[in-house]
Amino acid sequence: MAAQPALGIDELALGTGERARAVRQIRRSPPEMADVNLEGQTRSLADLVKYQTEAVVSRSLLSKATGSVTLFAFDEDQSLSEHTTPYDALALALEGELEITMAGECSRLAPGEVLLMPANRPHAVRAIARSKMLLVMVRG
């Protein structure tokens, strides 16, 4: 299977090394999802990103120099490897169950639960079950 370029996190200019390795695991949302206009529209967050078998799919909703808002759909047991980012990140579980490891400490997120990951702190995300997550990143 050919690797597909990432969308979302890579727009934050994560750079090279361990951060780039985390990004390479992510697939783009399908092209039919790209043309949905969200401005002034009410939408279900979970409906804006679709699952793909054995993949992590991302969809960037907003990307600015000061931060971003990205949706993720993780198939069961898919993950983002440990990485750091210069942004504070707030992860909100929308569906499923996620395990987030931050600086060696493991937390589980169920739908509706959030976790704040401070900038420059190593973290990783793994889906215990098929899961969707909203990630809000803000430059401090």
N, C-alpha and C. Protein backbone atom coordinates (compact mmCIF):
# COMPACT_ATOMS: atom_id res chain seq x y z
N MET A 1 0.84 -1.18 0.00
CA MET A 1 0.00 0.00 0.00
C MET A 1 0.89 1.24 0.00
N ALA A 2 0.67 2.15 -0.90
CA ALA A 2 1.48 3.37 -0.99
C ALA A 2 1.13 4.32 0.13
N ALA A 3 2.15 4.95 0.69
CA ALA A 3 1.92 5.94 1.75
C ALA A 3 1.26 7.17 1.17
N GLN A 4 0.33 7.73 1.92
CA GLN A 4 -0.34 8.94 1.49
C GLN A 4 0.17 10.10 2.32
N PRO A 5 0.30 11.29 1.75
CA PRO A 5 0.81 12.42 2.50
C PRO A 5 -0.16 12.82 3.60
N ALA A 6 0.38 13.43 4.63
CA ALA A 6 -0.41 13.82 5.77
C ALA A 6 -1.10 15.16 5.55
N LEU A 7 -2.17 15.36 6.28
CA LEU A 7 -2.89 16.63 6.27
C LEU A 7 -3.21 16.96 7.71
N GLY A 8 -3.05 18.17 8.10
CA GLY A 8 -3.40 18.56 9.47
C GLY A 8 -2.15 18.88 10.25
N ILE A 9 -1.61 17.90 10.98
CA ILE A 9 -0.46 18.16 11.83
C ILE A 9 0.71 18.69 11.02
N ASP A 10 0.95 18.13 9.83
CA ASP A 10 2.12 18.58 9.07
C ASP A 10 1.99 20.05 8.67
N GLU A 11 0.80 20.59 8.64
CA GLU A 11 0.64 22.00 8.33
C GLU A 11 1.19 22.89 9.45
N LEU A 12 1.46 22.30 10.60
CA LEU A 12 2.00 23.05 11.72
C LEU A 12 3.52 23.14 11.67
N ALA A 13 4.10 22.69 10.56
CA ALA A 13 5.56 22.74 10.38
C ALA A 13 6.27 22.05 11.53
N LEU A 14 5.93 20.79 11.76
CA LEU A 14 6.54 20.05 12.85
C LEU A 14 8.02 19.78 12.62
N GLY A 15 8.47 19.87 11.41
CA GLY A 15 9.89 19.73 11.15
C GLY A 15 10.30 18.31 10.84
N THR A 16 11.50 17.96 11.27
CA THR A 16 12.06 16.65 10.95
C THR A 16 12.23 15.84 12.22
N GLY A 17 12.86 14.70 12.10
CA GLY A 17 13.15 13.86 13.25
C GLY A 17 11.92 13.18 13.79
N GLU A 18 11.84 13.04 15.13
CA GLU A 18 10.76 12.28 15.74
C GLU A 18 9.39 12.88 15.45
N ARG A 19 9.28 14.19 15.33
CA ARG A 19 7.99 14.80 15.05
C ARG A 19 7.52 14.44 13.65
N ALA A 20 8.41 14.41 12.68
CA ALA A 20 8.03 14.06 11.32
C ALA A 20 7.62 12.59 11.24
N ARG A 21 8.27 11.72 12.01
CA ARG A 21 7.90 10.30 12.00
C ARG A 21 6.46 10.13 12.48
N ALA A 22 6.04 10.90 13.47
CA ALA A 22 4.67 10.82 13.96
C ALA A 22 3.70 11.23 12.86
N VAL A 23 4.05 12.22 12.10
CA VAL A 23 3.19 12.74 11.04
C VAL A 23 3.03 11.74 9.91
N ARG A 24 4.07 11.01 9.55
CA ARG A 24 4.02 10.10 8.41
C ARG A 24 2.97 9.01 8.55
N GLN A 25 2.47 8.78 9.76
CA GLN A 25 1.47 7.73 9.97
C GLN A 25 0.07 8.18 9.58
N ILE A 26 -0.13 9.44 9.30
CA ILE A 26 -1.47 10.00 9.12
C ILE A 26 -1.83 10.07 7.65
N ARG A 27 -3.07 9.73 7.32
CA ARG A 27 -3.57 9.82 5.95
C ARG A 27 -4.48 11.03 5.83
N ARG A 28 -4.58 11.53 4.61
CA ARG A 28 -5.51 12.62 4.31
C ARG A 28 -6.94 12.15 4.40
N SER A 29 -7.83 13.08 4.71
CA SER A 29 -9.25 12.80 4.57
C SER A 29 -9.53 12.60 3.09
N PRO A 30 -10.53 11.80 2.74
CA PRO A 30 -10.85 11.59 1.32
C PRO A 30 -11.17 12.91 0.64
N PRO A 31 -10.90 13.03 -0.67
CA PRO A 31 -11.13 14.28 -1.40
C PRO A 31 -12.55 14.81 -1.27
N GLU A 32 -13.54 13.91 -1.18
CA GLU A 32 -14.92 14.40 -1.08
C GLU A 32 -15.18 15.15 0.22
N MET A 33 -14.30 14.99 1.22
CA MET A 33 -14.46 15.70 2.48
C MET A 33 -13.82 17.09 2.43
N ALA A 34 -12.99 17.34 1.44
CA ALA A 34 -12.20 18.57 1.40
C ALA A 34 -13.01 19.81 1.08
N ASP A 35 -14.15 19.67 0.40
CA ASP A 35 -14.85 20.85 -0.07
C ASP A 35 -16.04 21.26 0.80
N VAL A 36 -16.16 20.71 2.00
CA VAL A 36 -17.24 21.10 2.89
C VAL A 36 -16.91 22.45 3.51
N ASN A 37 -17.80 23.42 3.32
CA ASN A 37 -17.61 24.75 3.88
C ASN A 37 -18.14 24.78 5.30
N LEU A 38 -17.26 25.01 6.27
CA LEU A 38 -17.66 25.02 7.67
C LEU A 38 -18.01 26.42 8.18
N GLU A 39 -17.64 27.44 7.45
CA GLU A 39 -17.87 28.81 7.92
C GLU A 39 -19.37 29.08 8.07
N GLY A 40 -19.77 29.43 9.30
CA GLY A 40 -21.15 29.75 9.57
C GLY A 40 -22.09 28.56 9.52
N GLN A 41 -21.55 27.34 9.48
CA GLN A 41 -22.36 26.13 9.37
C GLN A 41 -22.33 25.35 10.68
N THR A 42 -23.43 24.72 11.02
CA THR A 42 -23.49 23.81 12.16
C THR A 42 -23.28 22.40 11.63
N ARG A 43 -22.31 21.70 12.19
CA ARG A 43 -21.98 20.33 11.75
C ARG A 43 -21.70 19.46 12.97
N SER A 44 -21.85 18.16 12.79
CA SER A 44 -21.44 17.19 13.79
C SER A 44 -19.94 16.95 13.60
N LEU A 45 -19.15 17.18 14.65
CA LEU A 45 -17.70 16.98 14.54
C LEU A 45 -17.36 15.56 14.08
N ALA A 46 -17.98 14.58 14.70
CA ALA A 46 -17.65 13.19 14.38
C ALA A 46 -17.94 12.83 12.93
N ASP A 47 -18.89 13.52 12.31
CA ASP A 47 -19.22 13.23 10.91
C ASP A 47 -18.25 13.85 9.91
N LEU A 48 -17.37 14.71 10.37
CA LEU A 48 -16.46 15.42 9.48
C LEU A 48 -15.18 14.66 9.14
N VAL A 49 -14.96 13.52 9.80
CA VAL A 49 -13.80 12.69 9.49
C VAL A 49 -14.26 11.24 9.51
N LYS A 50 -13.79 10.46 8.54
CA LYS A 50 -14.22 9.07 8.38
C LYS A 50 -13.09 8.10 8.73
N TYR A 51 -13.45 6.96 9.25
CA TYR A 51 -12.48 5.91 9.54
C TYR A 51 -11.97 5.28 8.26
N GLN A 52 -10.70 4.84 8.30
CA GLN A 52 -10.12 4.00 7.26
C GLN A 52 -9.46 2.82 7.95
N THR A 53 -9.57 1.65 7.36
CA THR A 53 -9.01 0.43 7.94
C THR A 53 -7.51 0.57 8.13
N GLU A 54 -7.05 0.20 9.34
CA GLU A 54 -5.63 0.20 9.71
C GLU A 54 -4.95 1.53 9.45
N ALA A 55 -5.64 2.63 9.78
CA ALA A 55 -5.07 3.95 9.52
C ALA A 55 -5.52 4.97 10.55
N VAL A 56 -4.77 6.05 10.56
CA VAL A 56 -5.16 7.27 11.28
C VAL A 56 -5.45 8.29 10.19
N VAL A 57 -6.63 8.88 10.23
CA VAL A 57 -7.04 9.87 9.23
C VAL A 57 -7.18 11.21 9.94
N SER A 58 -6.70 12.27 9.31
CA SER A 58 -6.85 13.60 9.90
C SER A 58 -7.56 14.54 8.95
N ARG A 59 -8.18 15.54 9.53
CA ARG A 59 -8.83 16.59 8.75
C ARG A 59 -8.61 17.91 9.47
N SER A 60 -7.92 18.81 8.81
CA SER A 60 -7.67 20.13 9.37
C SER A 60 -8.91 20.99 9.20
N LEU A 61 -9.42 21.52 10.30
CA LEU A 61 -10.59 22.41 10.26
C LEU A 61 -10.17 23.87 10.24
N LEU A 62 -9.04 24.16 10.87
CA LEU A 62 -8.54 25.53 10.96
C LEU A 62 -7.04 25.48 11.18
N SER A 63 -6.32 26.27 10.44
CA SER A 63 -4.87 26.30 10.58
C SER A 63 -4.39 27.73 10.45
N LYS A 64 -3.76 28.23 11.51
CA LYS A 64 -3.22 29.59 11.56
C LYS A 64 -1.82 29.53 12.16
N ALA A 65 -1.09 30.62 12.05
CA ALA A 65 0.25 30.66 12.63
C ALA A 65 0.19 30.47 14.15
N THR A 66 -0.91 30.83 14.77
CA THR A 66 -1.05 30.74 16.22
C THR A 66 -1.60 29.41 16.71
N GLY A 67 -2.02 28.53 15.79
CA GLY A 67 -2.51 27.23 16.21
C GLY A 67 -3.40 26.59 15.17
N SER A 68 -4.03 25.48 15.57
CA SER A 68 -4.87 24.75 14.62
C SER A 68 -5.94 23.95 15.35
N VAL A 69 -6.94 23.52 14.57
CA VAL A 69 -7.97 22.61 15.04
C VAL A 69 -8.02 21.47 14.03
N THR A 70 -7.81 20.24 14.51
CA THR A 70 -7.72 19.08 13.62
C THR A 70 -8.56 17.94 14.19
N LEU A 71 -9.29 17.27 13.32
CA LEU A 71 -10.04 16.06 13.68
C LEU A 71 -9.23 14.84 13.29
N PHE A 72 -9.30 13.80 14.10
CA PHE A 72 -8.63 12.54 13.81
C PHE A 72 -9.63 11.39 13.93
N ALA A 73 -9.47 10.40 13.06
CA ALA A 73 -10.20 9.13 13.17
C ALA A 73 -9.14 8.03 13.21
N PHE A 74 -9.09 7.29 14.30
CA PHE A 74 -8.12 6.22 14.50
C PHE A 74 -8.83 4.88 14.37
N ASP A 75 -8.34 4.00 13.52
CA ASP A 75 -8.84 2.63 13.55
C ASP A 75 -8.29 1.99 14.83
N GLU A 76 -8.91 0.90 15.24
CA GLU A 76 -8.49 0.22 16.46
C GLU A 76 -7.00 -0.10 16.44
N ASP A 77 -6.32 0.20 17.55
CA ASP A 77 -4.90 -0.07 17.78
C ASP A 77 -3.96 0.74 16.87
N GLN A 78 -4.47 1.77 16.24
CA GLN A 78 -3.60 2.67 15.47
C GLN A 78 -3.10 3.77 16.40
N SER A 79 -1.97 4.39 16.06
CA SER A 79 -1.38 5.34 16.99
C SER A 79 -0.59 6.43 16.28
N LEU A 80 -0.29 7.45 17.05
CA LEU A 80 0.68 8.48 16.68
C LEU A 80 1.85 8.25 17.62
N SER A 81 3.03 8.01 17.09
CA SER A 81 4.19 7.73 17.92
C SER A 81 4.58 8.95 18.74
N GLU A 82 5.40 8.71 19.74
CA GLU A 82 5.80 9.80 20.63
C GLU A 82 6.45 10.94 19.85
N HIS A 83 6.03 12.15 20.17
CA HIS A 83 6.56 13.34 19.51
C HIS A 83 6.35 14.54 20.44
N THR A 84 6.92 15.66 20.07
CA THR A 84 6.70 16.91 20.78
C THR A 84 6.24 17.95 19.77
N THR A 85 5.65 19.01 20.27
CA THR A 85 5.21 20.11 19.42
C THR A 85 5.35 21.41 20.21
N PRO A 86 5.61 22.53 19.54
CA PRO A 86 5.77 23.80 20.26
C PRO A 86 4.43 24.42 20.66
N TYR A 87 3.34 23.67 20.52
CA TYR A 87 2.00 24.17 20.84
C TYR A 87 1.45 23.47 22.08
N ASP A 88 0.68 24.19 22.89
CA ASP A 88 -0.15 23.53 23.89
C ASP A 88 -1.25 22.83 23.12
N ALA A 89 -1.61 21.63 23.53
CA ALA A 89 -2.61 20.85 22.79
C ALA A 89 -3.69 20.35 23.74
N LEU A 90 -4.93 20.54 23.32
CA LEU A 90 -6.07 20.04 24.07
C LEU A 90 -6.72 18.94 23.23
N ALA A 91 -6.72 17.71 23.76
CA ALA A 91 -7.31 16.57 23.06
C ALA A 91 -8.68 16.29 23.66
N LEU A 92 -9.70 16.21 22.79
CA LEU A 92 -11.07 15.91 23.19
C LEU A 92 -11.51 14.63 22.49
N ALA A 93 -11.82 13.59 23.26
CA ALA A 93 -12.31 12.34 22.67
C ALA A 93 -13.76 12.53 22.26
N LEU A 94 -14.06 12.14 21.01
CA LEU A 94 -15.43 12.24 20.50
C LEU A 94 -16.12 10.89 20.46
N GLU A 95 -15.36 9.84 20.13
CA GLU A 95 -15.88 8.46 20.05
C GLU A 95 -14.78 7.52 20.51
N GLY A 96 -15.16 6.33 20.95
CA GLY A 96 -14.19 5.28 21.26
C GLY A 96 -13.46 5.51 22.56
N GLU A 97 -12.24 5.00 22.63
CA GLU A 97 -11.40 5.14 23.80
C GLU A 97 -9.95 5.31 23.36
N LEU A 98 -9.30 6.34 23.87
CA LEU A 98 -7.92 6.67 23.51
C LEU A 98 -7.01 6.54 24.72
N GLU A 99 -5.78 6.16 24.47
CA GLU A 99 -4.75 6.13 25.50
C GLU A 99 -3.71 7.16 25.10
N ILE A 100 -3.47 8.13 25.96
CA ILE A 100 -2.47 9.16 25.69
C ILE A 100 -1.37 9.03 26.73
N THR A 101 -0.16 8.84 26.24
CA THR A 101 1.00 8.75 27.12
C THR A 101 1.74 10.07 27.01
N MET A 102 1.97 10.69 28.17
CA MET A 102 2.64 11.98 28.21
C MET A 102 3.72 11.92 29.28
N ALA A 103 4.95 12.10 28.85
CA ALA A 103 6.10 12.07 29.77
C ALA A 103 6.05 10.83 30.66
N GLY A 104 5.72 9.66 30.06
CA GLY A 104 5.72 8.40 30.78
C GLY A 104 4.44 8.08 31.55
N GLU A 105 3.53 9.03 31.67
CA GLU A 105 2.26 8.82 32.38
C GLU A 105 1.16 8.53 31.36
N CYS A 106 0.37 7.49 31.65
CA CYS A 106 -0.67 7.06 30.72
C CYS A 106 -2.05 7.51 31.21
N SER A 107 -2.84 8.11 30.31
CA SER A 107 -4.21 8.53 30.61
C SER A 107 -5.14 7.94 29.56
N ARG A 108 -6.36 7.60 29.97
CA ARG A 108 -7.37 7.12 29.03
C ARG A 108 -8.45 8.17 28.89
N LEU A 109 -8.87 8.37 27.64
CA LEU A 109 -9.93 9.32 27.36
C LEU A 109 -11.13 8.58 26.77
N ALA A 110 -12.30 8.84 27.34
CA ALA A 110 -13.57 8.34 26.83
C ALA A 110 -14.29 9.52 26.19
N PRO A 111 -15.34 9.28 25.40
CA PRO A 111 -16.05 10.37 24.75
C PRO A 111 -16.46 11.48 25.74
N GLY A 112 -16.15 12.70 25.34
CA GLY A 112 -16.47 13.86 26.17
C GLY A 112 -15.36 14.27 27.12
N GLU A 113 -14.32 13.45 27.25
CA GLU A 113 -13.22 13.78 28.16
C GLU A 113 -12.10 14.49 27.41
N VAL A 114 -11.39 15.36 28.12
CA VAL A 114 -10.30 16.14 27.53
C VAL A 114 -9.01 15.94 28.32
N LEU A 115 -7.90 16.20 27.65
CA LEU A 115 -6.59 16.16 28.29
C LEU A 115 -5.75 17.29 27.70
N LEU A 116 -5.12 18.07 28.55
CA LEU A 116 -4.22 19.14 28.11
C LEU A 116 -2.80 18.61 28.07
N MET A 117 -2.14 18.80 26.92
CA MET A 117 -0.75 18.40 26.75
C MET A 117 0.07 19.67 26.56
N PRO A 118 0.87 20.04 27.55
CA PRO A 118 1.66 21.27 27.42
C PRO A 118 2.67 21.20 26.28
N ALA A 119 3.00 22.35 25.73
CA ALA A 119 3.99 22.44 24.66
C ALA A 119 5.30 21.79 25.07
N ASN A 120 5.96 21.19 24.10
CA ASN A 120 7.29 20.61 24.25
C ASN A 120 7.37 19.41 25.20
N ARG A 121 6.25 18.85 25.60
CA ARG A 121 6.25 17.66 26.44
C ARG A 121 5.98 16.44 25.54
N PRO A 122 6.86 15.45 25.57
CA PRO A 122 6.67 14.27 24.72
C PRO A 122 5.34 13.59 25.01
N HIS A 123 4.63 13.20 23.94
CA HIS A 123 3.35 12.51 24.09
C HIS A 123 3.10 11.61 22.90
N ALA A 124 2.24 10.62 23.11
CA ALA A 124 1.84 9.68 22.06
C ALA A 124 0.36 9.37 22.26
N VAL A 125 -0.30 8.96 21.17
CA VAL A 125 -1.74 8.64 21.21
C VAL A 125 -1.95 7.27 20.59
N ARG A 126 -2.76 6.43 21.27
CA ARG A 126 -3.12 5.12 20.73
C ARG A 126 -4.61 4.89 20.92
N ALA A 127 -5.25 4.36 19.89
CA ALA A 127 -6.68 4.04 19.97
C ALA A 127 -6.85 2.64 20.53
N ILE A 128 -7.52 2.54 21.65
CA ILE A 128 -7.84 1.24 22.24
C ILE A 128 -8.95 0.59 21.42
N ALA A 129 -9.87 1.41 20.95
CA ALA A 129 -10.94 1.00 20.05
C ALA A 129 -11.01 2.06 18.95
N ARG A 130 -11.77 1.81 17.88
CA ARG A 130 -11.95 2.86 16.86
C ARG A 130 -12.35 4.13 17.58
N SER A 131 -11.67 5.23 17.27
CA SER A 131 -11.87 6.46 18.03
C SER A 131 -11.76 7.69 17.15
N LYS A 132 -12.44 8.73 17.57
CA LYS A 132 -12.31 10.04 16.93
C LYS A 132 -11.94 11.05 17.99
N MET A 133 -11.09 12.00 17.61
CA MET A 133 -10.55 12.97 18.55
C MET A 133 -10.46 14.34 17.87
N LEU A 134 -10.78 15.37 18.62
CA LEU A 134 -10.56 16.75 18.19
C LEU A 134 -9.32 17.24 18.91
N LEU A 135 -8.38 17.79 18.15
CA LEU A 135 -7.15 18.32 18.72
C LEU A 135 -7.09 19.82 18.45
N VAL A 136 -7.01 20.60 19.53
CA VAL A 136 -6.89 22.05 19.43
C VAL A 136 -5.48 22.40 19.90
N MET A 137 -4.69 23.02 18.99
CA MET A 137 -3.32 23.39 19.32
C MET A 137 -3.20 24.90 19.30
N VAL A 138 -2.55 25.45 20.36
CA VAL A 138 -2.42 26.89 20.50
C VAL A 138 -0.97 27.21 20.85
N ARG A 139 -0.38 28.11 20.09
CA ARG A 139 0.99 28.55 20.40
C ARG A 139 0.95 29.45 21.62
N GLY A 140 1.81 29.14 22.58
CA GLY A 140 1.84 29.91 23.84
C GLY A 140 2.65 31.15 23.76
